[in-house]
Protein backbone atom coordinates (compact mmCIF):
# COMPACT_ATOMS: atom_id res chain seq x y z
CA MET A 1 -65.86 27.37 57.95
CA LYS A 2 -65.51 30.40 60.00
CA GLY A 3 -69.09 30.03 61.02
CA LEU A 4 -68.51 26.47 62.09
CA LEU A 5 -65.33 27.56 64.06
CA LYS A 6 -67.28 30.29 65.76
CA ASN A 7 -70.11 28.03 66.78
CA GLN A 8 -67.65 25.49 68.34
CA PHE A 9 -65.78 28.40 70.04
CA TYR A 10 -68.95 29.79 71.56
CA GLY A 11 -70.11 26.28 72.47
CA ALA A 12 -67.07 25.57 74.40
CA LEU A 13 -66.64 29.09 75.95
CA GLY A 14 -68.61 28.58 79.00
CA SER A 15 -66.62 25.45 80.16
CA ALA A 16 -63.49 27.14 78.99
CA VAL A 17 -63.82 30.14 81.30
CA ILE A 18 -64.32 27.86 84.28
CA LEU A 19 -61.12 25.90 83.08
CA LEU A 20 -59.24 29.15 82.65
CA LEU A 21 -60.21 30.37 86.00
CA PHE A 22 -59.35 26.90 87.62
CA PHE A 23 -55.84 26.81 85.80
CA LEU A 24 -55.13 30.60 86.63
CA ALA A 25 -55.76 29.71 90.21
CA ILE A 26 -53.61 26.55 90.18
CA GLY A 27 -50.90 28.66 88.27
CA VAL A 28 -50.84 31.22 90.84
CA GLY A 29 -50.45 28.39 93.60
CA LEU A 30 -47.46 27.06 91.50
CA VAL A 31 -45.81 30.48 91.37
CA ILE A 32 -46.24 30.90 95.21
CA SER A 33 -45.26 27.26 96.09
CA GLY A 34 -42.62 26.43 93.45
CA ASN A 35 -43.59 22.84 93.87
CA SER A 36 -41.79 20.72 91.21
CA LEU A 37 -44.27 17.94 90.97
CA LEU A 38 -47.14 20.47 90.50
CA LEU A 39 -45.20 22.11 87.76
CA ASN A 40 -44.87 18.72 85.95
CA ILE A 41 -48.51 17.86 86.36
CA TYR A 42 -49.74 21.35 85.51
CA VAL A 43 -47.97 21.29 81.98
CA VAL A 44 -49.45 18.00 80.98
CA VAL A 45 -52.92 18.37 82.50
CA SER A 46 -53.53 21.85 81.14
CA SER A 47 -53.19 20.67 77.59
CA ALA A 48 -55.34 17.62 78.20
CA ALA A 49 -57.94 19.55 79.96
CA PHE A 50 -58.30 22.00 77.12
CA ALA A 51 -58.44 19.00 74.68
CA PHE A 52 -61.40 17.53 76.93
CA ASN A 53 -63.13 21.08 76.62
CA ALA A 54 -62.78 20.93 72.89
CA VAL A 55 -64.56 17.33 72.62
CA SER A 56 -67.13 17.68 75.33
CA GLY A 57 -69.42 19.94 73.31
CA PHE A 58 -70.52 16.90 71.09
CA ARG A 59 -73.33 15.92 73.49
CA LYS A 60 -74.71 19.31 73.70
CA GLU A 61 -74.81 19.83 70.03
CA ALA A 62 -76.46 16.57 69.66
CA SER A 63 -79.15 17.53 72.18
CA SER A 64 -79.79 20.90 70.44
CA LYS A 65 -79.86 19.14 67.11
CA TRP A 66 -76.88 21.36 65.73
CA ASN A 67 -75.45 18.24 64.08
CA LYS A 68 -78.41 17.92 61.91
CA TYR A 69 -78.76 21.71 61.27
CA GLU A 70 -75.11 22.03 60.08
CA LEU A 71 -75.74 19.65 57.31
CA SER A 72 -78.42 21.98 56.02
CA ILE A 73 -76.07 25.04 55.63
CA PRO A 74 -73.85 25.51 52.68
CA VAL A 75 -70.77 23.57 54.06
CA THR A 76 -69.54 20.12 53.30
CA ARG A 77 -68.87 17.30 55.68
CA ASN A 78 -65.17 17.62 54.97
CA GLN A 79 -65.38 21.25 56.24
CA ILE A 80 -67.31 20.27 59.29
CA VAL A 81 -64.79 17.76 60.25
CA LYS A 82 -61.89 19.97 59.44
CA SER A 83 -63.37 22.75 61.74
CA ARG A 84 -63.46 20.13 64.58
CA PHE A 85 -59.69 19.31 64.21
CA VAL A 86 -58.81 23.02 63.64
CA SER A 87 -60.75 23.97 66.79
CA HIS A 88 -59.22 21.03 68.87
CA ALA A 89 -55.79 22.25 67.85
CA ILE A 90 -56.38 25.82 68.79
CA TRP A 91 -57.65 24.68 72.27
CA VAL A 92 -54.79 22.46 72.79
CA PHE A 93 -52.23 25.18 72.01
CA SER A 94 -54.18 27.57 74.17
CA GLY A 95 -53.41 25.18 77.10
CA ILE A 96 -49.89 24.96 76.25
CA ILE A 97 -49.49 28.64 76.03
CA LEU A 98 -51.14 29.19 79.53
CA SER A 99 -48.81 26.52 81.15
CA ALA A 100 -45.82 28.03 79.39
CA LEU A 101 -46.67 31.31 80.82
CA PHE A 102 -46.83 30.09 84.58
CA VAL A 103 -43.80 27.90 84.10
CA LEU A 104 -41.76 30.94 83.00
CA ILE A 105 -43.08 32.94 85.87
CA THR A 106 -42.26 30.25 88.28
CA LEU A 107 -38.75 29.95 86.95
CA ALA A 108 -38.26 33.77 87.21
CA VAL A 109 -39.46 33.69 90.92
CA HIS A 110 -37.74 30.40 92.09
CA GLY A 111 -34.99 29.97 89.69
CA ASN A 112 -34.24 26.75 87.75
CA MET A 113 -34.38 24.04 90.24
CA TYR A 114 -36.95 21.84 88.20
CA PHE A 115 -34.89 20.91 85.15
CA TYR A 116 -31.63 19.04 85.26
CA TYR A 117 -31.28 19.77 81.48
CA PRO A 118 -32.58 23.33 81.04
CA VAL A 119 -33.64 22.60 77.35
CA ARG A 120 -34.14 18.87 77.29
CA ASP A 121 -36.55 18.47 80.40
CA PRO A 122 -39.00 21.34 79.53
CA LEU A 123 -39.01 20.12 75.82
CA MET A 124 -40.02 16.83 76.75
CA LEU A 125 -42.62 17.97 79.19
CA PHE A 126 -44.27 20.29 76.87
CA SER A 127 -44.03 17.82 73.86
CA CYS A 128 -45.68 15.07 75.94
CA GLY A 129 -48.42 17.38 76.88
CA MET A 130 -49.14 18.53 73.37
CA GLY A 131 -48.76 14.99 71.92
CA ILE A 132 -51.24 13.41 74.51
CA ALA A 133 -53.68 16.21 73.81
CA LEU A 134 -53.52 15.86 69.93
CA LEU A 135 -53.57 12.10 70.09
CA MET A 136 -56.70 12.24 72.34
CA GLY A 137 -58.43 14.17 69.40
CA SER A 138 -57.06 11.67 66.93
CA ILE A 139 -58.83 8.79 68.85
CA PHE A 140 -61.96 10.77 69.72
CA TYR A 141 -63.21 12.13 66.60
CA PRO A 142 -63.25 8.98 64.39
CA LEU A 143 -64.99 7.12 67.34
CA ILE A 144 -67.55 9.72 67.94
CA TYR A 145 -68.66 9.78 64.37
CA PHE A 146 -68.67 6.01 64.16
CA LEU A 147 -70.29 5.08 67.30
CA GLY A 148 -72.50 8.20 67.93
CA THR A 149 -72.78 11.08 70.41
CA ASP A 150 -74.65 8.96 73.00
CA LYS A 151 -71.32 7.40 73.83
CA ASN A 152 -69.59 10.62 74.18
CA GLU A 153 -68.45 10.26 77.92
CA ILE A 154 -66.90 6.66 77.38
CA ILE A 155 -65.22 7.66 74.11
CA MET A 156 -63.62 10.68 75.97
CA ILE A 157 -62.25 8.30 78.72
CA ILE A 158 -61.05 5.81 76.13
CA SER A 159 -59.42 8.75 74.06
CA LEU A 160 -57.56 10.00 77.19
CA LEU A 161 -56.34 6.63 78.19
CA GLY A 162 -55.46 5.64 74.69
CA SER A 163 -53.48 8.91 74.00
CA VAL A 164 -51.47 8.40 77.36
CA GLY A 165 -50.92 4.73 76.50
CA ALA A 166 -49.73 5.60 72.88
CA THR A 167 -47.28 8.22 74.14
CA MET A 168 -45.89 5.66 76.62
CA GLY A 169 -45.69 3.18 73.94
CA ILE A 170 -44.13 5.37 71.33
CA PHE A 171 -41.33 6.33 73.83
CA TRP A 172 -40.75 2.90 74.99
CA LEU A 173 -40.07 1.68 71.14
CA LEU A 174 -37.90 4.67 70.46
CA ASN A 175 -35.76 3.98 73.68
CA ALA A 176 -35.76 0.16 72.84
CA ALA A 177 -34.43 1.04 69.46
CA ASN A 178 -31.43 2.65 71.30
CA ASP A 179 -31.19 -0.27 73.58
CA PHE A 180 -32.41 1.82 76.58
CA GLN A 181 -28.99 3.58 76.58
CA ARG A 182 -28.42 7.08 77.96
CA LEU A 183 -29.34 9.50 75.09
CA SER A 184 -26.94 12.19 73.73
CA ASP A 185 -28.47 15.55 73.11
CA SER A 186 -28.68 14.84 69.41
CA GLU A 187 -30.39 11.40 69.96
CA PHE A 188 -32.72 13.04 72.52
CA TYR A 189 -33.85 15.79 70.06
CA LEU A 190 -34.21 12.99 67.40
CA VAL A 191 -36.42 10.92 69.60
CA VAL A 192 -38.60 14.14 70.51
CA ALA A 193 -38.80 15.00 66.76
CA VAL A 194 -39.83 11.57 65.70
CA TYR A 195 -42.55 11.39 68.51
CA LEU A 196 -43.99 14.80 67.39
CA ALA A 197 -43.82 13.65 63.76
CA ILE A 198 -45.86 10.53 64.65
CA VAL A 199 -48.35 12.65 66.70
CA LEU A 200 -48.91 15.07 63.78
CA ILE A 201 -49.06 12.35 61.11
CA THR A 202 -51.53 10.48 63.29
CA TYR A 203 -53.64 13.63 63.73
CA MET A 204 -53.67 14.25 59.98
CA LEU A 205 -54.52 10.78 59.10
CA SER A 206 -57.28 10.75 61.74
CA TYR A 207 -58.74 13.77 59.98
CA PHE A 208 -58.84 11.92 56.68
CA PHE A 209 -60.27 8.77 58.35
CA THR A 210 -63.00 10.83 60.21
CA THR A 211 -63.87 12.64 57.17
CA PHE A 212 -64.37 9.26 55.39
CA ILE A 213 -66.44 7.80 58.22
CA TYR A 214 -68.75 10.91 58.31
CA GLN A 215 -69.38 11.03 54.54
CA LYS A 216 -70.53 7.43 54.68
CA LYS A 217 -72.62 7.93 57.64
CA GLU A 218 -76.35 8.76 57.61
CA VAL A 219 -77.43 11.39 60.11
């Protein structure tokens, strides 16, 4: 599977460099300006952008016939799908690490004027960023293997909108379970833990579902 991961890494590297330069520039702007809205957007968007980078290589691979070639090498379809999900997670966490770095630098320069709750607020922000990015992969991979790479762009949009909608829906349900009352610290951490658990379970189930689809699909 290492060879598959290397191929996906190099396939996404070109656009990843552009993304990195872009987010480095925005990060520097964040450190200089100290804008609170920019900080919030930066954390969520950076994770989603690197998730986009992970899934955007499908069309390129299809045009180069890589998806047919990889079936001729000694790897199983399960390993191929697993490499997609592992690669996606790596890119998502790369985006989180990048945003966390600039958030820490911004806090060091401007002080904590961003988070009313110094632990709860950033935890929620980074959890939502990671959750949206992973849910995007959970939606994208089964759809792309089922519908085909020719619908890559529309599936990417559906995946992003679906992940944002799912995140909003999960938090709405969790808050509804608490009658939309103000959460204590312990209740807040429980809500975040449940959300992340749902995200991770969905991601794992999506991997098994995608494997099932790919094993049944003729390429």
